[in-house]
PDB file of N, CA and C in Angstrom:
ATOM      1  N   UNK A   1      60.907  74.121  82.083  1.00  0.00           N
ATOM      2  CA  UNK A   1      61.953  75.097  82.208  1.00  0.00           C
ATOM      3  C   UNK A   1      61.328  76.390  82.729  1.00  0.00           C
ATOM      4  N   UNK A   2      61.880  76.894  83.809  1.00  0.00           N
ATOM      5  CA  UNK A   2      61.391  78.135  84.407  1.00  0.00           C
ATOM      6  C   UNK A   2      62.491  79.184  84.364  1.00  0.00           C
ATOM      7  N   UNK A   3      62.078  80.447  84.355  1.00  0.00           N
ATOM      8  CA  UNK A   3      63.021  81.555  84.358  1.00  0.00           C
ATOM      9  C   UNK A   3      62.604  82.560  85.418  1.00  0.00           C
ATOM     10  N   UNK A   4      63.609  83.084  86.112  1.00  0.00           N
ATOM     11  CA  UNK A   4      63.405  84.200  87.038  1.00  0.00           C
ATOM     12  C   UNK A   4      64.234  85.346  86.469  1.00  0.00           C
ATOM     13  N   UNK A   5      63.568  86.428  86.068  1.00  0.00           N
ATOM     14  CA  UNK A   5      64.250  87.573  85.465  1.00  0.00           C
ATOM     15  C   UNK A   5      64.067  88.803  86.344  1.00  0.00           C
ATOM     16  N   UNK A   6      65.163  89.551  86.520  1.00  0.00           N
ATOM     17  CA  UNK A   6      65.136  90.763  87.331  1.00  0.00           C
ATOM     18  C   UNK A   6      65.877  91.873  86.603  1.00  0.00           C
ATOM     19  N   UNK A   7      65.374  93.085  86.738  1.00  0.00           N
ATOM     20  CA  UNK A   7      66.073  94.254  86.253  1.00  0.00           C
ATOM     21  C   UNK A   7      66.432  95.089  87.474  1.00  0.00           C
ATOM     22  N   UNK A   8      67.738  95.314  87.670  1.00  0.00           N
ATOM     23  CA  UNK A   8      68.224  96.062  88.824  1.00  0.00           C
ATOM     24  C   UNK A   8      68.846  97.368  88.341  1.00  0.00           C
ATOM     25  N   UNK A   9      68.709  98.417  89.153  1.00  0.00           N
ATOM     26  CA  UNK A   9      69.314  99.711  88.826  1.00  0.00           C
ATOM     27  C   UNK A   9      70.361 100.025  89.876  1.00  0.00           C
ATOM     28  N   UNK A  10      71.505 100.558  89.409  1.00  0.00           N
ATOM     29  CA  UNK A  10      72.589 100.878  90.330  1.00  0.00           C
ATOM     30  C   UNK A  10      72.280 102.182  91.052  1.00  0.00           C
ATOM     31  N   UNK A  11      72.228 102.106  92.368  1.00  0.00           N
ATOM     32  CA  UNK A  11      72.002 103.258  93.239  1.00  0.00           C
ATOM     33  C   UNK A  11      72.579 102.870  94.585  1.00  0.00           C
ATOM     34  N   UNK A  12      73.865 103.143  94.791  1.00  0.00           N
ATOM     35  CA  UNK A  12      74.549 102.695  96.000  1.00  0.00           C
ATOM     36  C   UNK A  12      74.490 101.162  96.066  1.00  0.00           C
ATOM     37  N   UNK A  13      74.915 100.524  95.000  1.00  0.00           N
ATOM     38  CA  UNK A  13      74.770  99.086  94.824  1.00  0.00           C
ATOM     39  C   UNK A  13      73.587  98.830  93.900  1.00  0.00           C
ATOM     40  N   UNK A  14      73.458  97.634  93.366  1.00  0.00           N
ATOM     41  CA  UNK A  14      72.330  97.318  92.484  1.00  0.00           C
ATOM     42  C   UNK A  14      71.102  96.993  93.320  1.00  0.00           C
ATOM     43  N   UNK A  15      70.007  97.705  93.042  1.00  0.00           N
ATOM     44  CA  UNK A  15      68.754  97.555  93.779  1.00  0.00           C
ATOM     45  C   UNK A  15      67.654  97.083  92.825  1.00  0.00           C
ATOM     46  N   UNK A  16      66.717  96.297  93.328  1.00  0.00           N
ATOM     47  CA  UNK A  16      65.584  95.878  92.481  1.00  0.00           C
ATOM     48  C   UNK A  16      64.870  97.104  91.926  1.00  0.00           C
ATOM     49  N   UNK A  17      64.514  97.017  90.644  1.00  0.00           N
ATOM     50  CA  UNK A  17      63.863  98.146  89.996  1.00  0.00           C
ATOM     51  C   UNK A  17      62.872  97.645  88.972  1.00  0.00           C
ATOM     52  N   UNK A  18      61.625  97.886  89.197  1.00  0.00           N
ATOM     53  CA  UNK A  18      60.536  97.686  88.236  1.00  0.00           C
ATOM     54  C   UNK A  18      60.213  96.233  87.880  1.00  0.00           C
ATOM     55  N   UNK A  19      61.203  95.435  87.519  1.00  0.00           N
ATOM     56  CA  UNK A  19      60.901  94.117  86.967  1.00  0.00           C
ATOM     57  C   UNK A  19      61.453  93.006  87.855  1.00  0.00           C
ATOM     58  N   UNK A  20      60.597  92.058  88.199  1.00  0.00           N
ATOM     59  CA  UNK A  20      60.989  90.848  88.907  1.00  0.00           C
ATOM     60  C   UNK A  20      59.925  89.802  88.569  1.00  0.00           C
ATOM     61  N   UNK A  21      60.187  88.988  87.557  1.00  0.00           N
ATOM     62  CA  UNK A  21      59.173  88.049  87.077  1.00  0.00           C
ATOM     63  C   UNK A  21      59.670  86.611  87.094  1.00  0.00           C
ATOM     64  N   UNK A  22      58.752  85.691  87.337  1.00  0.00           N
ATOM     65  CA  UNK A  22      58.971  84.249  87.217  1.00  0.00           C
ATOM     66  C   UNK A  22      58.007  83.774  86.138  1.00  0.00           C
ATOM     67  N   UNK A  23      58.474  82.947  85.227  1.00  0.00           N
ATOM     68  CA  UNK A  23      57.562  82.429  84.211  1.00  0.00           C
ATOM     69  C   UNK A  23      58.049  81.094  83.679  1.00  0.00           C
ATOM     70  N   UNK A  24      57.124  80.334  83.136  1.00  0.00           N
ATOM     71  CA  UNK A  24      57.405  79.049  82.518  1.00  0.00           C
ATOM     72  C   UNK A  24      57.715  79.303  81.041  1.00  0.00           C
ATOM     73  N   UNK A  25      58.900  78.942  80.605  1.00  0.00           N
ATOM     74  CA  UNK A  25      59.346  79.231  79.246  1.00  0.00           C
ATOM     75  C   UNK A  25      58.482  78.510  78.210  1.00  0.00           C
ATOM     76  N   UNK A  26      58.188  77.253  78.438  1.00  0.00           N
ATOM     77  CA  UNK A  26      57.398  76.494  77.465  1.00  0.00           C
ATOM     78  C   UNK A  26      56.007  77.091  77.305  1.00  0.00           C
ATOM     79  N   UNK A  27      55.403  77.492  78.407  1.00  0.00           N
ATOM     80  CA  UNK A  27      54.082  78.116  78.352  1.00  0.00           C
ATOM     81  C   UNK A  27      54.145  79.431  77.583  1.00  0.00           C
ATOM     82  N   UNK A  28      55.182  80.237  77.839  1.00  0.00           N
ATOM     83  CA  UNK A  28      55.323  81.504  77.128  1.00  0.00           C
ATOM     84  C   UNK A  28      55.514  81.271  75.629  1.00  0.00           C
ATOM     85  N   UNK A  29      56.363  80.331  75.249  1.00  0.00           N
ATOM     86  CA  UNK A  29      56.615  80.093  73.831  1.00  0.00           C
ATOM     87  C   UNK A  29      55.368  79.591  73.108  1.00  0.00           C
ATOM     88  N   UNK A  30      54.483  78.912  73.819  1.00  0.00           N
ATOM     89  CA  UNK A  30      53.230  78.454  73.208  1.00  0.00           C
ATOM     90  C   UNK A  30      52.202  79.570  73.080  1.00  0.00           C
ATOM     91  N   UNK A  31      52.104  80.429  74.106  1.00  0.00           N
ATOM     92  CA  UNK A  31      51.048  81.452  74.141  1.00  0.00           C
ATOM     93  C   UNK A  31      51.540  82.876  73.919  1.00  0.00           C
ATOM     94  N   UNK A  32      52.837  83.153  74.190  1.00  0.00           N
ATOM     95  CA  UNK A  32      53.406  84.485  74.002  1.00  0.00           C
ATOM     96  C   UNK A  32      52.553  85.540  74.701  1.00  0.00           C
ATOM     97  N   UNK A  33      52.248  85.300  76.002  1.00  0.00           N
ATOM     98  CA  UNK A  33      51.226  86.070  76.686  1.00  0.00           C
ATOM     99  C   UNK A  33      51.709  86.968  77.826  1.00  0.00           C
ATOM    100  N   UNK A  34      53.000  87.189  77.982  1.00  0.00           N
ATOM    101  CA  UNK A  34      53.487  88.041  79.068  1.00  0.00           C
ATOM    102  C   UNK A  34      54.148  89.275  78.443  1.00  0.00           C
ATOM    103  N   UNK A  35      53.611  90.493  78.697  1.00  0.00           N
ATOM    104  CA  UNK A  35      54.099  91.696  78.008  1.00  0.00           C
ATOM    105  C   UNK A  35      55.600  91.959  78.183  1.00  0.00           C
ATOM    106  N   UNK A  36      56.116  91.910  79.406  1.00  0.00           N
ATOM    107  CA  UNK A  36      57.539  92.174  79.620  1.00  0.00           C
ATOM    108  C   UNK A  36      58.408  91.100  78.975  1.00  0.00           C
ATOM    109  N   UNK A  37      58.029  89.865  79.151  1.00  0.00           N
ATOM    110  CA  UNK A  37      58.803  88.756  78.586  1.00  0.00           C
ATOM    111  C   UNK A  37      58.791  88.849  77.062  1.00  0.00           C
ATOM    112  N   UNK A  38      57.683  89.271  76.498  1.00  0.00           N
ATOM    113  CA  UNK A  38      57.579  89.429  75.048  1.00  0.00           C
ATOM    114  C   UNK A  38      58.587  90.468  74.544  1.00  0.00           C
ATOM    115  N   UNK A  39      58.754  91.569  75.272  1.00  0.00           N
ATOM    116  CA  UNK A  39      59.724  92.609  74.902  1.00  0.00           C
ATOM    117  C   UNK A  39      61.141  92.049  74.972  1.00  0.00           C
ATOM    118  N   UNK A  40      61.468  91.394  76.078  1.00  0.00           N
ATOM    119  CA  UNK A  40      62.818  90.850  76.260  1.00  0.00           C
ATOM    120  C   UNK A  40      63.100  89.753  75.236  1.00  0.00           C
ATOM    121  N   UNK A  41      62.125  88.906  74.985  1.00  0.00           N
ATOM    122  CA  UNK A  41      62.290  87.835  74.005  1.00  0.00           C
ATOM    123  C   UNK A  41      62.567  88.426  72.619  1.00  0.00           C
ATOM    124  N   UNK A  42      61.908  89.518  72.285  1.00  0.00           N
ATOM    125  CA  UNK A  42      62.141  90.188  71.009  1.00  0.00           C
ATOM    126  C   UNK A  42      63.565  90.710  70.878  1.00  0.00           C
ATOM    127  N   UNK A  43      64.168  91.095  72.011  1.00  0.00           N
ATOM    128  CA  UNK A  43      65.551  91.580  72.006  1.00  0.00           C
ATOM    129  C   UNK A  43      66.531  90.406  71.854  1.00  0.00           C
ATOM    130  N   UNK A  44      66.286  89.302  72.547  1.00  0.00           N
ATOM    131  CA  UNK A  44      67.202  88.157  72.560  1.00  0.00           C
ATOM    132  C   UNK A  44      67.049  87.227  71.360  1.00  0.00           C
ATOM    133  N   UNK A  45      65.860  87.118  70.800  1.00  0.00           N
ATOM    134  CA  UNK A  45      65.578  86.120  69.770  1.00  0.00           C
ATOM    135  C   UNK A  45      66.527  86.158  68.561  1.00  0.00           C
ATOM    136  N   UNK A  46      66.847  87.342  68.006  1.00  0.00           N
ATOM    137  CA  UNK A  46      67.738  87.330  66.838  1.00  0.00           C
ATOM    138  C   UNK A  46      69.156  86.828  67.146  1.00  0.00           C
ATOM    139  N   UNK A  47      69.564  86.848  68.410  1.00  0.00           N
ATOM    140  CA  UNK A  47      70.927  86.460  68.786  1.00  0.00           C
ATOM    141  C   UNK A  47      70.999  85.069  69.412  1.00  0.00           C
ATOM    142  N   UNK A  48      69.907  84.317  69.383  1.00  0.00           N
ATOM    143  CA  UNK A  48      69.905  83.021  70.056  1.00  0.00           C
ATOM    144  C   UNK A  48      69.196  81.966  69.222  1.00  0.00           C
ATOM    145  N   UNK A  49      69.290  80.740  69.692  1.00  0.00           N
ATOM    146  CA  UNK A  49      68.556  79.660  69.032  1.00  0.00           C
ATOM    147  C   UNK A  49      67.275  79.319  69.800  1.00  0.00           C
ATOM    148  N   UNK A  50      66.823  80.234  70.654  1.00  0.00           N
ATOM    149  CA  UNK A  50      65.553  80.051  71.369  1.00  0.00           C
ATOM    150  C   UNK A  50      64.452  80.536  70.430  1.00  0.00           C
ATOM    151  N   UNK A  51      64.100  79.718  69.472  1.00  0.00           N
ATOM    152  CA  UNK A  51      63.154  80.148  68.454  1.00  0.00           C
ATOM    153  C   UNK A  51      62.078  79.106  68.147  1.00  0.00           C
ATOM    154  N   UNK A  52      61.912  78.157  69.037  1.00  0.00           N
ATOM    155  CA  UNK A  52      60.851  77.162  68.843  1.00  0.00           C
ATOM    156  C   UNK A  52      60.320  76.735  70.199  1.00  0.00           C
ATOM    157  N   UNK A  53      59.193  76.055  70.187  1.00  0.00           N
ATOM    158  CA  UNK A  53      58.578  75.625  71.435  1.00  0.00           C
ATOM    159  C   UNK A  53      59.322  74.418  72.005  1.00  0.00           C
ATOM    160  N   UNK A  54      58.941  74.054  73.205  1.00  0.00           N
ATOM    161  CA  UNK A  54      59.588  72.951  73.915  1.00  0.00           C
ATOM    162  C   UNK A  54      59.234  71.626  73.261  1.00  0.00           C
ATOM    163  N   UNK A  55      60.007  70.593  73.446  1.00  0.00           N
ATOM    164  CA  UNK A  55      61.171  70.467  74.316  1.00  0.00           C
ATOM    165  C   UNK A  55      62.436  70.980  73.631  1.00  0.00           C
ATOM    166  N   UNK A  56      63.373  71.448  74.453  1.00  0.00           N
ATOM    167  CA  UNK A  56      64.672  71.886  73.971  1.00  0.00           C
ATOM    168  C   UNK A  56      65.677  70.765  74.199  1.00  0.00           C
ATOM    169  N   UNK A  57      66.396  70.440  73.159  1.00  0.00           N
ATOM    170  CA  UNK A  57      67.423  69.409  73.229  1.00  0.00           C
ATOM    171  C   UNK A  57      68.713  70.039  72.724  1.00  0.00           C
ATOM    172  N   UNK A  58      69.794  69.836  73.451  1.00  0.00           N
ATOM    173  CA  UNK A  58      71.073  70.394  73.041  1.00  0.00           C
ATOM    174  C   UNK A  58      71.307  71.755  73.673  1.00  0.00           C
ATOM    175  N   UNK A  59      72.417  72.379  73.306  1.00  0.00           N
ATOM    176  CA  UNK A  59      72.776  73.653  73.936  1.00  0.00           C
ATOM    177  C   UNK A  59      71.891  74.813  73.469  1.00  0.00           C
ATOM    178  N   UNK A  60      71.713  75.758  74.365  1.00  0.00           N
ATOM    179  CA  UNK A  60      71.042  77.011  74.028  1.00  0.00           C
ATOM    180  C   UNK A  60      72.161  78.029  73.825  1.00  0.00           C
ATOM    181  N   UNK A  61      72.190  78.648  72.667  1.00  0.00           N
ATOM    182  CA  UNK A  61      73.289  79.533  72.303  1.00  0.00           C
ATOM    183  C   UNK A  61      72.792  80.973  72.193  1.00  0.00           C
ATOM    184  N   UNK A  62      73.590  81.882  72.756  1.00  0.00           N
ATOM    185  CA  UNK A  62      73.340  83.308  72.604  1.00  0.00           C
ATOM    186  C   UNK A  62      74.651  83.904  72.109  1.00  0.00           C
ATOM    187  N   UNK A  63      74.599  84.594  70.970  1.00  0.00           N
ATOM    188  CA  UNK A  63      75.826  85.103  70.366  1.00  0.00           C
ATOM    189  C   UNK A  63      75.562  86.450  69.707  1.00  0.00           C
ATOM    190  N   UNK A  64      76.517  87.360  69.854  1.00  0.00           N
ATOM    191  CA  UNK A  64      76.476  88.674  69.200  1.00  0.00           C
ATOM    192  C   UNK A  64      75.236  89.484  69.565  1.00  0.00           C
ATOM    193  N   UNK A  65      74.949  89.561  70.850  1.00  0.00           N
ATOM    194  CA  UNK A  65      73.811  90.358  71.319  1.00  0.00           C
ATOM    195  C   UNK A  65      74.267  91.798  71.514  1.00  0.00           C
ATOM    196  N   UNK A  66      73.641  92.706  70.799  1.00  0.00           N
ATOM    197  CA  UNK A  66      73.915  94.134  70.945  1.00  0.00           C
ATOM    198  C   UNK A  66      72.607  94.841  71.235  1.00  0.00           C
ATOM    199  N   UNK A  67      72.598  95.586  72.317  1.00  0.00           N
ATOM    200  CA  UNK A  67      71.407  96.333  72.678  1.00  0.00           C
ATOM    201  C   UNK A  67      71.411  97.672  71.965  1.00  0.00           C
ATOM    202  N   UNK A  68      70.348  97.962  71.262  1.00  0.00           N
ATOM    203  CA  UNK A  68      70.207  99.232  70.569  1.00  0.00           C
ATOM    204  C   UNK A  68      69.109 100.024  71.267  1.00  0.00           C
ATOM    205  N   UNK A  69      69.248 101.344  71.353  1.00  0.00           N
ATOM    206  CA  UNK A  69      68.239 102.154  72.066  1.00  0.00           C
ATOM    207  C   UNK A  69      66.815 101.940  71.564  1.00  0.00           C
ATOM    208  N   UNK A  70      66.624 101.750  70.266  1.00  0.00           N
ATOM    209  CA  UNK A  70      65.268 101.566  69.747  1.00  0.00           C
ATOM    210  C   UNK A  70      64.701 100.178  70.040  1.00  0.00           C
ATOM    211  N   UNK A  71      65.525  99.260  70.579  1.00  0.00           N
ATOM    212  CA  UNK A  71      65.015  97.934  70.922  1.00  0.00           C
ATOM    213  C   UNK A  71      64.356  97.912  72.298  1.00  0.00           C
ATOM    214  N   UNK A  72      64.468  99.004  73.043  1.00  0.00           N
ATOM    215  CA  UNK A  72      63.831  99.104  74.364  1.00  0.00           C
ATOM    216  C   UNK A  72      62.648 100.062  74.249  1.00  0.00           C
ATOM    217  N   UNK A  73      61.438  99.540  74.112  1.00  0.00           N
ATOM    218  CA  UNK A  73      60.278 100.392  73.887  1.00  0.00           C
ATOM    219  C   UNK A  73      59.737 101.079  75.139  1.00  0.00           C
ATOM    220  N   UNK A  74      60.292 100.754  76.304  1.00  0.00           N
ATOM    221  CA  UNK A  74      59.806 101.346  77.546  1.00  0.00           C
ATOM    222  C   UNK A  74      60.649 102.554  77.922  1.00  0.00           C
ATOM    223  N   UNK A  75      60.037 103.597  78.482  1.00  0.00           N
ATOM    224  CA  UNK A  75      60.843 104.720  78.955  1.00  0.00           C
ATOM    225  C   UNK A  75      61.645 104.305  80.182  1.00  0.00           C
ATOM    226  N   UNK A  76      62.928 104.647  80.177  1.00  0.00           N
ATOM    227  CA  UNK A  76      63.815 104.301  81.294  1.00  0.00           C
ATOM    228  C   UNK A  76      64.630 105.529  81.657  1.00  0.00           C
ATOM    229  N   UNK A  77      64.825 105.788  82.943  1.00  0.00           N
ATOM    230  CA  UNK A  77      65.711 106.882  83.324  1.00  0.00           C
ATOM    231  C   UNK A  77      67.170 106.505  83.086  1.00  0.00           C
ATOM    232  N   UNK A  78      67.999 107.503  82.868  1.00  0.00           N
ATOM    233  CA  UNK A  78      69.430 107.254  82.689  1.00  0.00           C
ATOM    234  C   UNK A  78      69.991 106.552  83.913  1.00  0.00           C
ATOM    235  N   UNK A  79      70.962 105.694  83.688  1.00  0.00           N
ATOM    236  CA  UNK A  79      71.601 105.012  84.799  1.00  0.00           C
ATOM    237  C   UNK A  79      72.248 103.715  84.375  1.00  0.00           C
ATOM    238  N   UNK A  80      72.867 103.062  85.349  1.00  0.00           N
ATOM    239  CA  UNK A  80      73.491 101.762  85.127  1.00  0.00           C
ATOM    240  C   UNK A  80      72.524 100.681  85.584  1.00  0.00           C
ATOM    241  N   UNK A  81      72.406  99.623  84.788  1.00  0.00           N
ATOM    242  CA  UNK A  81      71.452  98.556  85.050  1.00  0.00           C
ATOM    243  C   UNK A  81      72.132  97.197  85.000  1.00  0.00           C
ATOM    244  N   UNK A  82      71.494  96.242  85.645  1.00  0.00           N
ATOM    245  CA  UNK A  82      71.900  94.842  85.573  1.00  0.00           C
ATOM    246  C   UNK A  82      70.632  94.027  85.314  1.00  0.00           C
ATOM    247  N   UNK A  83      70.656  93.227  84.265  1.00  0.00           N
ATOM    248  CA  UNK A  83      69.538  92.345  83.944  1.00  0.00           C
ATOM    249  C   UNK A  83      70.000  90.930  84.239  1.00  0.00           C
ATOM    250  N   UNK A  84      69.324  90.271  85.187  1.00  0.00           N
ATOM    251  CA  UNK A  84      69.711  88.925  85.622  1.00  0.00           C
ATOM    252  C   UNK A  84      68.654  87.919  85.183  1.00  0.00           C
ATOM    253  N   UNK A  85      69.103  86.836  84.577  1.00  0.00           N
ATOM    254  CA  UNK A  85      68.196  85.761  84.155  1.00  0.00           C
ATOM    255  C   UNK A  85      68.697  84.467  84.782  1.00  0.00           C
ATOM    256  N   UNK A  86      67.848  83.851  85.606  1.00  0.00           N
ATOM    257  CA  UNK A  86      68.176  82.561  86.230  1.00  0.00           C
ATOM    258  C   UNK A  86      67.345  81.484  85.549  1.00  0.00           C
ATOM    259  N   UNK A  87      68.011  80.490  84.999  1.00  0.00           N
ATOM    260  CA  UNK A  87      67.364  79.397  84.275  1.00  0.00           C
ATOM    261  C   UNK A  87      67.238  78.196  85.201  1.00  0.00           C
ATOM    262  N   UNK A  88      66.005  77.697  85.372  1.00  0.00           N
ATOM    263  CA  UNK A  88      65.770  76.533  86.230  1.00  0.00           C
ATOM    264  C   UNK A  88      65.270  75.356  85.396  1.00  0.00           C
ATOM    265  N   UNK A  89      65.913  74.217  85.594  1.00  0.00           N
ATOM    266  CA  UNK A  89      65.462  72.962  85.006  1.00  0.00           C
ATOM    267  C   UNK A  89      65.268  71.996  86.158  1.00  0.00           C
ATOM    268  N   UNK A  90      64.172  71.291  86.171  1.00  0.00           N
ATOM    269  CA  UNK A  90      63.844  70.375  87.268  1.00  0.00           C
ATOM    270  C   UNK A  90      63.909  71.083  88.624  1.00  0.00           C
ATOM    271  N   UNK A  91      63.428  72.332  88.655  1.00  0.00           N
ATOM    272  CA  UNK A  91      63.342  73.158  89.871  1.00  0.00           C
ATOM    273  C   UNK A  91      64.689  73.477  90.504  1.00  0.00           C
ATOM    274  N   UNK A  92      65.779  73.337  89.723  1.00  0.00           N
ATOM    275  CA  UNK A  92      67.115  73.680  90.201  1.00  0.00           C
ATOM    276  C   UNK A  92      67.725  74.698  89.251  1.00  0.00           C
ATOM    277  N   UNK A  93      68.387  75.716  89.800  1.00  0.00           N
ATOM    278  CA  UNK A  93      69.042  76.705  88.957  1.00  0.00           C
ATOM    279  C   UNK A  93      70.207  76.032  88.227  1.00  0.00           C
ATOM    280  N   UNK A  94      70.181  76.128  86.892  1.00  0.00           N
ATOM    281  CA  UNK A  94      71.218  75.508  86.073  1.00  0.00           C
ATOM    282  C   UNK A  94      72.167  76.534  85.473  1.00  0.00           C
ATOM    283  N   UNK A  95      71.688  77.770  85.286  1.00  0.00           N
ATOM    284  CA  UNK A  95      72.537  78.812  84.705  1.00  0.00           C
ATOM    285  C   UNK A  95      72.021  80.171  85.151  1.00  0.00           C
ATOM    286  N   UNK A  96      72.952  81.111  85.256  1.00  0.00           N
ATOM    287  CA  UNK A  96      72.610  82.490  85.575  1.00  0.00           C
ATOM    288  C   UNK A  96      73.346  83.377  84.574  1.00  0.00           C
ATOM    289  N   UNK A  97      72.591  84.216  83.874  1.00  0.00           N
ATOM    290  CA  UNK A  97      73.171  85.192  82.962  1.00  0.00           C
ATOM    291  C   UNK A  97      73.003  86.568  83.572  1.00  0.00           C
ATOM    292  N   UNK A  98      74.077  87.360  83.556  1.00  0.00           N
ATOM    293  CA  UNK A  98      74.010  88.739  84.036  1.00  0.00           C
ATOM    294  C   UNK A  98      74.459  89.651  82.911  1.00  0.00           C
ATOM    295  N   UNK A  99      73.611  90.620  82.584  1.00  0.00           N
ATOM    296  CA  UNK A  99      73.895  91.584  81.531  1.00  0.00           C
ATOM    297  C   UNK A  99      73.961  92.964  82.179  1.00  0.00           C
ATOM    298  N   UNK A 100      75.099  93.618  82.068  1.00  0.00           N
ATOM    299  CA  UNK A 100      75.282  94.948  82.628  1.00  0.00           C
ATOM    300  C   UNK A 100      75.266  95.942  81.483  1.00  0.00           C
ATOM    301  N   UNK A 101      74.510  97.031  81.663  1.00  0.00           N
ATOM    302  CA  UNK A 101      74.484  98.058  80.626  1.00  0.00           C
ATOM    303  C   UNK A 101      74.193  99.416  81.242  1.00  0.00           C
ATOM    304  N   UNK A 102      74.575 100.441  80.495  1.00  0.00           N
ATOM    305  CA  UNK A 102      74.299 101.812  80.914  1.00  0.00           C
ATOM    306  C   UNK A 102      73.359 102.425  79.893  1.00  0.00           C
ATOM    307  N   UNK A 103      72.307 103.057  80.371  1.00  0.00           N
ATOM    308  CA  UNK A 103      71.332 103.683  79.501  1.00  0.00           C
ATOM    309  C   UNK A 103      71.370 105.187  79.736  1.00  0.00           C
ATOM    310  N   UNK A 104      71.507 105.945  78.662  1.00  0.00           N
ATOM    311  CA  UNK A 104      71.539 107.403  78.769  1.00  0.00           C
ATOM    312  C   UNK A 104      70.395 107.986  77.937  1.00  0.00           C
ATOM    313  N   UNK A 105      69.555 108.781  78.589  1.00  0.00           N
ATOM    314  CA  UNK A 105      68.471 109.453  77.889  1.00  0.00           C
ATOM    315  C   UNK A 105      69.043 110.566  77.017  1.00  0.00           C
ATOM    316  N   UNK A 106      68.380 110.851  75.923  1.00  0.00           N
ATOM    317  CA  UNK A 106      68.778 112.000  75.103  1.00  0.00           C
ATOM    318  C   UNK A 106      68.531 113.266  75.896  1.00  0.00           C
ATOM    319  N   UNK A 107      69.486 114.204  75.827  1.00  0.00           N
ATOM    320  CA  UNK A 107      69.287 115.448  76.564  1.00  0.00           C
ATOM    321  C   UNK A 107      68.962 116.605  75.650  1.00  0.00           C
TER     322      UNK A 107
END
């Protein structure tokens, strides 16, 4: 299972911004060795059943995901963002998740 994750920032349309990673999910779950993926996984893990190593059998569920400002440890400028996750199984895209959010810095 492979994932392509992108973080886009809205600026006259959504443009690539900072993050564009490809990684093997099974390898990450075994080694937990990618800094950005580790941050994102920490945000998604409490709201999903992605909590064990491969193989995955059955549906992958994500429910009641709420982004809290303290869950994003990286400094980000204010703006509108889109986080896209493309899930590949057998080298074919099987699902695409798009998360839209607005981040406002404290003034």
